[in-house]
Amino acid sequence: MNAVVLTVLFLLPQQDPERLLERLRDDSPKVREEATRILRAMEEAALPALRLTLQDPDAEIRARVRALIDRIEWDAVMDPALLAR
């Protein structure tokens, strides 16, 4: 079943962060991690939906989303030349 779930996750439109955020509630840690990876790869495009999710009643979701926002914002301000070192 995990392979099927991961395949479906890969097929989700990357421009739909709301659907990926739903995957953060999945029972499978692999599905949650993959959704997190895709949201991070979306960079600034995911930020509006991520910020709305900061009000989620689930503490685990809020923590994961806060970490994602911090990482995306950090990556946006870092000079790529510094990251290459």
PDB file of N, CA and C in Angstrom:
ATOM      1  N   MET A   1       0.811  -1.196   0.000  1.00  0.00           N
ATOM      2  CA  MET A   1       0.000   0.000   0.000  1.00  0.00           C
ATOM      3  C   MET A   1       0.854   1.259   0.000  1.00  0.00           C
ATOM      4  N   ASN A   2       1.986   1.271   0.687  1.00  0.00           N
ATOM      5  CA  ASN A   2       2.827   2.464   0.730  1.00  0.00           C
ATOM      6  C   ASN A   2       3.277   2.904  -0.654  1.00  0.00           C
ATOM      7  N   ALA A   3       3.629   1.960  -1.515  1.00  0.00           N
ATOM      8  CA  ALA A   3       4.059   2.313  -2.866  1.00  0.00           C
ATOM      9  C   ALA A   3       2.928   2.981  -3.628  1.00  0.00           C
ATOM     10  N   VAL A   4       1.726   2.489  -3.450  1.00  0.00           N
ATOM     11  CA  VAL A   4       0.573   3.084  -4.127  1.00  0.00           C
ATOM     12  C   VAL A   4       0.334   4.497  -3.613  1.00  0.00           C
ATOM     13  N   VAL A   5       0.397   4.673  -2.310  1.00  0.00           N
ATOM     14  CA  VAL A   5       0.177   5.994  -1.718  1.00  0.00           C
ATOM     15  C   VAL A   5       1.247   6.964  -2.189  1.00  0.00           C
ATOM     16  N   LEU A   6       2.491   6.530  -2.208  1.00  0.00           N
ATOM     17  CA  LEU A   6       3.570   7.410  -2.661  1.00  0.00           C
ATOM     18  C   LEU A   6       3.431   7.752  -4.134  1.00  0.00           C
ATOM     19  N   THR A   7       2.987   6.802  -4.934  1.00  0.00           N
ATOM     20  CA  THR A   7       2.772   7.071  -6.355  1.00  0.00           C
ATOM     21  C   THR A   7       1.704   8.135  -6.530  1.00  0.00           C
ATOM     22  N   VAL A   8       0.619   8.007  -5.795  1.00  0.00           N
ATOM     23  CA  VAL A   8      -0.449   9.002  -5.870  1.00  0.00           C
ATOM     24  C   VAL A   8       0.072  10.360  -5.430  1.00  0.00           C
ATOM     25  N   LEU A   9       0.874  10.383  -4.388  1.00  0.00           N
ATOM     26  CA  LEU A   9       1.427  11.635  -3.902  1.00  0.00           C
ATOM     27  C   LEU A   9       2.293  12.302  -4.964  1.00  0.00           C
ATOM     28  N   PHE A  10       3.103  11.529  -5.664  1.00  0.00           N
ATOM     29  CA  PHE A  10       3.935  12.083  -6.726  1.00  0.00           C
ATOM     30  C   PHE A  10       3.098  12.656  -7.854  1.00  0.00           C
ATOM     31  N   LEU A  11       1.916  12.119  -8.067  1.00  0.00           N
ATOM     32  CA  LEU A  11       1.070  12.572  -9.159  1.00  0.00           C
ATOM     33  C   LEU A  11       0.240  13.800  -8.806  1.00  0.00           C
ATOM     34  N   LEU A  12       0.223  14.193  -7.542  1.00  0.00           N
ATOM     35  CA  LEU A  12      -0.519  15.384  -7.157  1.00  0.00           C
ATOM     36  C   LEU A  12       0.080  16.598  -7.856  1.00  0.00           C
ATOM     37  N   PRO A  13      -0.777  17.493  -8.297  1.00  0.00           N
ATOM     38  CA  PRO A  13      -0.239  18.705  -8.925  1.00  0.00           C
ATOM     39  C   PRO A  13       0.587  19.495  -7.916  1.00  0.00           C
ATOM     40  N   GLN A  14       1.794  19.810  -8.281  1.00  0.00           N
ATOM     41  CA  GLN A  14       2.661  20.521  -7.346  1.00  0.00           C
ATOM     42  C   GLN A  14       2.167  21.936  -7.085  1.00  0.00           C
ATOM     43  N   GLN A  15       1.322  22.469  -7.954  1.00  0.00           N
ATOM     44  CA  GLN A  15       0.819  23.815  -7.737  1.00  0.00           C
ATOM     45  C   GLN A  15      -0.365  23.836  -6.773  1.00  0.00           C
ATOM     46  N   ASP A  16      -0.667  22.733  -6.139  1.00  0.00           N
ATOM     47  CA  ASP A  16      -1.789  22.648  -5.213  1.00  0.00           C
ATOM     48  C   ASP A  16      -1.296  22.326  -3.800  1.00  0.00           C
ATOM     49  N   PRO A  17      -0.746  23.319  -3.103  1.00  0.00           N
ATOM     50  CA  PRO A  17      -0.201  23.050  -1.774  1.00  0.00           C
ATOM     51  C   PRO A  17      -1.262  22.614  -0.771  1.00  0.00           C
ATOM     52  N   GLU A  18      -2.516  23.023  -0.969  1.00  0.00           N
ATOM     53  CA  GLU A  18      -3.567  22.613  -0.036  1.00  0.00           C
ATOM     54  C   GLU A  18      -3.717  21.095  -0.007  1.00  0.00           C
ATOM     55  N   ARG A  19      -3.655  20.473  -1.154  1.00  0.00           N
ATOM     56  CA  ARG A  19      -3.763  19.007  -1.200  1.00  0.00           C
ATOM     57  C   ARG A  19      -2.548  18.359  -0.549  1.00  0.00           C
ATOM     58  N   LEU A  20      -1.391  18.949  -0.743  1.00  0.00           N
ATOM     59  CA  LEU A  20      -0.191  18.411  -0.101  1.00  0.00           C
ATOM     60  C   LEU A  20      -0.257  18.588   1.412  1.00  0.00           C
ATOM     61  N   LEU A  21      -0.808  19.698   1.851  1.00  0.00           N
ATOM     62  CA  LEU A  21      -0.952  19.917   3.293  1.00  0.00           C
ATOM     63  C   LEU A  21      -1.874  18.873   3.916  1.00  0.00           C
ATOM     64  N   GLU A  22      -2.871  18.435   3.187  1.00  0.00           N
ATOM     65  CA  GLU A  22      -3.737  17.358   3.673  1.00  0.00           C
ATOM     66  C   GLU A  22      -2.928  16.084   3.907  1.00  0.00           C
ATOM     67  N   ARG A  23      -1.910  15.869   3.086  1.00  0.00           N
ATOM     68  CA  ARG A  23      -1.086  14.658   3.203  1.00  0.00           C
ATOM     69  C   ARG A  23      -0.231  14.678   4.474  1.00  0.00           C
ATOM     70  N   LEU A  24      -0.066  15.839   5.083  1.00  0.00           N
ATOM     71  CA  LEU A  24       0.682  15.909   6.341  1.00  0.00           C
ATOM     72  C   LEU A  24      -0.064  15.212   7.474  1.00  0.00           C
ATOM     73  N   ARG A  25      -1.332  14.913   7.273  1.00  0.00           N
ATOM     74  CA  ARG A  25      -2.144  14.212   8.273  1.00  0.00           C
ATOM     75  C   ARG A  25      -2.161  12.701   8.052  1.00  0.00           C
ATOM     76  N   ASP A  26      -1.516  12.245   6.998  1.00  0.00           N
ATOM     77  CA  ASP A  26      -1.546  10.819   6.667  1.00  0.00           C
ATOM     78  C   ASP A  26      -0.927   9.987   7.792  1.00  0.00           C
ATOM     79  N   ASP A  27      -1.428   8.774   7.953  1.00  0.00           N
ATOM     80  CA  ASP A  27      -0.890   7.871   8.975  1.00  0.00           C
ATOM     81  C   ASP A  27       0.536   7.416   8.666  1.00  0.00           C
ATOM     82  N   SER A  28       0.907   7.444   7.393  1.00  0.00           N
ATOM     83  CA  SER A  28       2.226   6.961   6.984  1.00  0.00           C
ATOM     84  C   SER A  28       3.288   8.064   7.112  1.00  0.00           C
ATOM     85  N   PRO A  29       4.340   7.819   7.887  1.00  0.00           N
ATOM     86  CA  PRO A  29       5.425   8.802   7.966  1.00  0.00           C
ATOM     87  C   PRO A  29       6.056   9.074   6.601  1.00  0.00           C
ATOM     88  N   LYS A  30       6.125   8.059   5.746  1.00  0.00           N
ATOM     89  CA  LYS A  30       6.710   8.248   4.411  1.00  0.00           C
ATOM     90  C   LYS A  30       5.900   9.248   3.602  1.00  0.00           C
ATOM     91  N   VAL A  31       4.585   9.154   3.678  1.00  0.00           N
ATOM     92  CA  VAL A  31       3.717  10.073   2.945  1.00  0.00           C
ATOM     93  C   VAL A  31       3.878  11.488   3.497  1.00  0.00           C
ATOM     94  N   ARG A  32       3.920  11.627   4.816  1.00  0.00           N
ATOM     95  CA  ARG A  32       4.099  12.953   5.420  1.00  0.00           C
ATOM     96  C   ARG A  32       5.441  13.559   5.027  1.00  0.00           C
ATOM     97  N   GLU A  33       6.497  12.758   5.034  1.00  0.00           N
ATOM     98  CA  GLU A  33       7.825  13.262   4.658  1.00  0.00           C
ATOM     99  C   GLU A  33       7.877  13.663   3.188  1.00  0.00           C
ATOM    100  N   GLU A  34       7.254  12.884   2.334  1.00  0.00           N
ATOM    101  CA  GLU A  34       7.262  13.212   0.906  1.00  0.00           C
ATOM    102  C   GLU A  34       6.459  14.484   0.647  1.00  0.00           C
ATOM    103  N   ALA A  35       5.334  14.647   1.312  1.00  0.00           N
ATOM    104  CA  ALA A  35       4.551  15.875   1.170  1.00  0.00           C
ATOM    105  C   ALA A  35       5.376  17.074   1.635  1.00  0.00           C
ATOM    106  N   THR A  36       6.101  16.908   2.722  1.00  0.00           N
ATOM    107  CA  THR A  36       6.965  17.970   3.236  1.00  0.00           C
ATOM    108  C   THR A  36       8.046  18.315   2.215  1.00  0.00           C
ATOM    109  N   ARG A  37       8.651  17.296   1.626  1.00  0.00           N
ATOM    110  CA  ARG A  37       9.708  17.519   0.629  1.00  0.00           C
ATOM    111  C   ARG A  37       9.173  18.296  -0.575  1.00  0.00           C
ATOM    112  N   ILE A  38       7.996  17.911  -1.060  1.00  0.00           N
ATOM    113  CA  ILE A  38       7.418  18.577  -2.226  1.00  0.00           C
ATOM    114  C   ILE A  38       7.047  20.019  -1.885  1.00  0.00           C
ATOM    115  N   LEU A  39       6.455  20.236  -0.716  1.00  0.00           N
ATOM    116  CA  LEU A  39       6.113  21.603  -0.309  1.00  0.00           C
ATOM    117  C   LEU A  39       7.364  22.472  -0.226  1.00  0.00           C
ATOM    118  N   ARG A  40       8.438  21.933   0.300  1.00  0.00           N
ATOM    119  CA  ARG A  40       9.682  22.709   0.373  1.00  0.00           C
ATOM    120  C   ARG A  40      10.202  23.027  -1.024  1.00  0.00           C
ATOM    121  N   ALA A  41      10.089  22.083  -1.929  1.00  0.00           N
ATOM    122  CA  ALA A  41      10.551  22.304  -3.299  1.00  0.00           C
ATOM    123  C   ALA A  41       9.716  23.361  -4.018  1.00  0.00           C
ATOM    124  N   MET A  42       8.483  23.552  -3.583  1.00  0.00           N
ATOM    125  CA  MET A  42       7.618  24.569  -4.184  1.00  0.00           C
ATOM    126  C   MET A  42       8.066  25.978  -3.807  1.00  0.00           C
ATOM    127  N   GLU A  43       8.878  26.077  -2.783  1.00  0.00           N
ATOM    128  CA  GLU A  43       9.437  27.343  -2.317  1.00  0.00           C
ATOM    129  C   GLU A  43       8.342  28.359  -2.006  1.00  0.00           C
ATOM    130  N   GLU A  44       8.508  29.605  -2.466  1.00  0.00           N
ATOM    131  CA  GLU A  44       7.587  30.685  -2.111  1.00  0.00           C
ATOM    132  C   GLU A  44       6.149  30.424  -2.545  1.00  0.00           C
ATOM    133  N   ALA A  45       5.934  29.609  -3.550  1.00  0.00           N
ATOM    134  CA  ALA A  45       4.574  29.316  -4.017  1.00  0.00           C
ATOM    135  C   ALA A  45       3.739  28.629  -2.939  1.00  0.00           C
ATOM    136  N   ALA A  46       4.386  27.937  -2.024  1.00  0.00           N
ATOM    137  CA  ALA A  46       3.668  27.223  -0.964  1.00  0.00           C
ATOM    138  C   ALA A  46       3.408  28.094   0.265  1.00  0.00           C
ATOM    139  N   LEU A  47       4.075  29.227   0.370  1.00  0.00           N
ATOM    140  CA  LEU A  47       4.007  30.019   1.601  1.00  0.00           C
ATOM    141  C   LEU A  47       2.600  30.471   2.003  1.00  0.00           C
ATOM    142  N   PRO A  48       1.755  30.975   1.100  1.00  0.00           N
ATOM    143  CA  PRO A  48       0.421  31.401   1.554  1.00  0.00           C
ATOM    144  C   PRO A  48      -0.369  30.276   2.228  1.00  0.00           C
ATOM    145  N   ALA A  49      -0.385  29.114   1.634  1.00  0.00           N
ATOM    146  CA  ALA A  49      -1.112  27.981   2.225  1.00  0.00           C
ATOM    147  C   ALA A  49      -0.449  27.530   3.518  1.00  0.00           C
ATOM    148  N   LEU A  50       0.877  27.533   3.552  1.00  0.00           N
ATOM    149  CA  LEU A  50       1.580  27.147   4.775  1.00  0.00           C
ATOM    150  C   LEU A  50       1.248  28.101   5.918  1.00  0.00           C
ATOM    151  N   ARG A  51       1.224  29.396   5.628  1.00  0.00           N
ATOM    152  CA  ARG A  51       0.935  30.375   6.682  1.00  0.00           C
ATOM    153  C   ARG A  51      -0.475  30.200   7.239  1.00  0.00           C
ATOM    154  N   LEU A  52      -1.425  29.881   6.377  1.00  0.00           N
ATOM    155  CA  LEU A  52      -2.792  29.634   6.855  1.00  0.00           C
ATOM    156  C   LEU A  52      -2.844  28.427   7.787  1.00  0.00           C
ATOM    157  N   THR A  53      -1.977  27.478   7.554  1.00  0.00           N
ATOM    158  CA  THR A  53      -1.972  26.240   8.333  1.00  0.00           C
ATOM    159  C   THR A  53      -1.330  26.425   9.708  1.00  0.00           C
ATOM    160  N   LEU A  54      -0.697  27.560   9.942  1.00  0.00           N
ATOM    161  CA  LEU A  54      -0.105  27.815  11.262  1.00  0.00           C
ATOM    162  C   LEU A  54      -1.160  27.860  12.369  1.00  0.00           C
ATOM    163  N   GLN A  55      -2.420  27.990  11.997  1.00  0.00           N
ATOM    164  CA  GLN A  55      -3.510  28.022  12.979  1.00  0.00           C
ATOM    165  C   GLN A  55      -4.121  26.642  13.204  1.00  0.00           C
ATOM    166  N   ASP A  56      -3.554  25.613  12.606  1.00  0.00           N
ATOM    167  CA  ASP A  56      -4.093  24.257  12.721  1.00  0.00           C
ATOM    168  C   ASP A  56      -4.124  23.824  14.191  1.00  0.00           C
ATOM    169  N   PRO A  57      -5.181  23.111  14.600  1.00  0.00           N
ATOM    170  CA  PRO A  57      -5.243  22.645  15.991  1.00  0.00           C
ATOM    171  C   PRO A  57      -4.228  21.544  16.326  1.00  0.00           C
ATOM    172  N   ASP A  58      -3.678  20.885  15.315  1.00  0.00           N
ATOM    173  CA  ASP A  58      -2.729  19.788  15.528  1.00  0.00           C
ATOM    174  C   ASP A  58      -1.313  20.355  15.705  1.00  0.00           C
ATOM    175  N   ALA A  59      -0.740  20.148  16.877  1.00  0.00           N
ATOM    176  CA  ALA A  59       0.591  20.690  17.180  1.00  0.00           C
ATOM    177  C   ALA A  59       1.668  20.141  16.247  1.00  0.00           C
ATOM    178  N   GLU A  60       1.570  18.873  15.848  1.00  0.00           N
ATOM    179  CA  GLU A  60       2.562  18.297  14.942  1.00  0.00           C
ATOM    180  C   GLU A  60       2.511  18.983  13.578  1.00  0.00           C
ATOM    181  N   ILE A  61       1.310  19.259  13.091  1.00  0.00           N
ATOM    182  CA  ILE A  61       1.158  19.952  11.807  1.00  0.00           C
ATOM    183  C   ILE A  61       1.747  21.355  11.914  1.00  0.00           C
ATOM    184  N   ARG A  62       1.403  22.068  12.984  1.00  0.00           N
ATOM    185  CA  ARG A  62       1.931  23.428  13.163  1.00  0.00           C
ATOM    186  C   ARG A  62       3.452  23.432  13.205  1.00  0.00           C
ATOM    187  N   ALA A  63       4.046  22.491  13.908  1.00  0.00           N
ATOM    188  CA  ALA A  63       5.507  22.428  14.014  1.00  0.00           C
ATOM    189  C   ALA A  63       6.144  22.134  12.661  1.00  0.00           C
ATOM    190  N   ARG A  64       5.579  21.198  11.927  1.00  0.00           N
ATOM    191  CA  ARG A  64       6.127  20.851  10.610  1.00  0.00           C
ATOM    192  C   ARG A  64       6.013  22.042   9.660  1.00  0.00           C
ATOM    193  N   VAL A  65       4.860  22.714   9.697  1.00  0.00           N
ATOM    194  CA  VAL A  65       4.630  23.861   8.819  1.00  0.00           C
ATOM    195  C   VAL A  65       5.551  25.019   9.207  1.00  0.00           C
ATOM    196  N   ARG A  66       5.727  25.267  10.494  1.00  0.00           N
ATOM    197  CA  ARG A  66       6.619  26.347  10.941  1.00  0.00           C
ATOM    198  C   ARG A  66       8.049  26.085  10.452  1.00  0.00           C
ATOM    199  N   ALA A  67       8.495  24.850  10.569  1.00  0.00           N
ATOM    200  CA  ALA A  67       9.837  24.489  10.102  1.00  0.00           C
ATOM    201  C   ALA A  67       9.956  24.674   8.590  1.00  0.00           C
ATOM    202  N   LEU A  68       8.916  24.309   7.858  1.00  0.00           N
ATOM    203  CA  LEU A  68       8.923  24.488   6.402  1.00  0.00           C
ATOM    204  C   LEU A  68       9.018  25.966   6.036  1.00  0.00           C
ATOM    205  N   ILE A  69       8.196  26.783   6.675  1.00  0.00           N
ATOM    206  CA  ILE A  69       8.217  28.220   6.395  1.00  0.00           C
ATOM    207  C   ILE A  69       9.594  28.794   6.695  1.00  0.00           C
ATOM    208  N   ASP A  70      10.145  28.457   7.841  1.00  0.00           N
ATOM    209  CA  ASP A  70      11.475  28.959   8.207  1.00  0.00           C
ATOM    210  C   ASP A  70      12.516  28.564   7.172  1.00  0.00           C
ATOM    211  N   ARG A  71      12.484  27.316   6.726  1.00  0.00           N
ATOM    212  CA  ARG A  71      13.479  26.835   5.759  1.00  0.00           C
ATOM    213  C   ARG A  71      13.312  27.514   4.402  1.00  0.00           C
ATOM    214  N   ILE A  72      12.069  27.651   3.944  1.00  0.00           N
ATOM    215  CA  ILE A  72      11.817  28.300   2.653  1.00  0.00           C
ATOM    216  C   ILE A  72      12.266  29.758   2.702  1.00  0.00           C
ATOM    217  N   GLU A  73      11.931  30.456   3.780  1.00  0.00           N
ATOM    218  CA  GLU A  73      12.338  31.858   3.899  1.00  0.00           C
ATOM    219  C   GLU A  73      13.853  31.987   4.009  1.00  0.00           C
ATOM    220  N   TRP A  74      14.489  31.088   4.728  1.00  0.00           N
ATOM    221  CA  TRP A  74      15.953  31.096   4.850  1.00  0.00           C
ATOM    222  C   TRP A  74      16.597  30.871   3.483  1.00  0.00           C
ATOM    223  N   ASP A  75      16.111  29.874   2.765  1.00  0.00           N
ATOM    224  CA  ASP A  75      16.662  29.579   1.441  1.00  0.00           C
ATOM    225  C   ASP A  75      16.490  30.762   0.490  1.00  0.00           C
ATOM    226  N   ALA A  76      15.396  31.508   0.643  1.00  0.00           N
ATOM    227  CA  ALA A  76      15.116  32.629  -0.253  1.00  0.00           C
ATOM    228  C   ALA A  76      16.102  33.778  -0.059  1.00  0.00           C
ATOM    229  N   VAL A  77      16.643  33.927   1.142  1.00  0.00           N
ATOM    230  CA  VAL A  77      17.550  35.049   1.388  1.00  0.00           C
ATOM    231  C   VAL A  77      19.023  34.666   1.293  1.00  0.00           C
ATOM    232  N   MET A  78      19.314  33.385   1.284  1.00  0.00           N
ATOM    233  CA  MET A  78      20.710  32.956   1.216  1.00  0.00           C
ATOM    234  C   MET A  78      21.267  33.139  -0.191  1.00  0.00           C
ATOM    235  N   ASP A  79      22.483  33.576  -0.261  1.00  0.00           N
ATOM    236  CA  ASP A  79      23.192  33.723  -1.526  1.00  0.00           C
ATOM    237  C   ASP A  79      23.598  32.332  -2.005  1.00  0.00           C
ATOM    238  N   PRO A  80      23.202  31.947  -3.230  1.00  0.00           N
ATOM    239  CA  PRO A  80      23.575  30.620  -3.732  1.00  0.00           C
ATOM    240  C   PRO A  80      25.078  30.367  -3.719  1.00  0.00           C
ATOM    241  N   ALA A  81      25.885  31.408  -3.891  1.00  0.00           N
ATOM    242  CA  ALA A  81      27.337  31.233  -3.869  1.00  0.00           C
ATOM    243  C   ALA A  81      27.810  30.801  -2.481  1.00  0.00           C
ATOM    244  N   LEU A  82      27.173  31.317  -1.445  1.00  0.00           N
ATOM    245  CA  LEU A  82      27.532  30.913  -0.087  1.00  0.00           C
ATOM    246  C   LEU A  82      27.116  29.476   0.187  1.00  0.00           C
ATOM    247  N   LEU A  83      25.978  29.085  -0.354  1.00  0.00           N
ATOM    248  CA  LEU A  83      25.496  27.724  -0.152  1.00  0.00           C
ATOM    249  C   LEU A  83      26.383  26.699  -0.846  1.00  0.00           C
ATOM    250  N   ALA A  84      27.069  27.109  -1.913  1.00  0.00           N
ATOM    251  CA  ALA A  84      27.904  26.191  -2.686  1.00  0.00           C
ATOM    252  C   ALA A  84      29.208  25.870  -1.965  1.00  0.00           C
ATOM    253  N   ARG A  85      29.564  26.638  -0.975  1.00  0.00           N
ATOM    254  CA  ARG A  85      30.828  26.419  -0.265  1.00  0.00           C
ATOM    255  C   ARG A  85      30.798  25.201   0.578  1.00  0.00           C
TER     256      ARG A  85
END
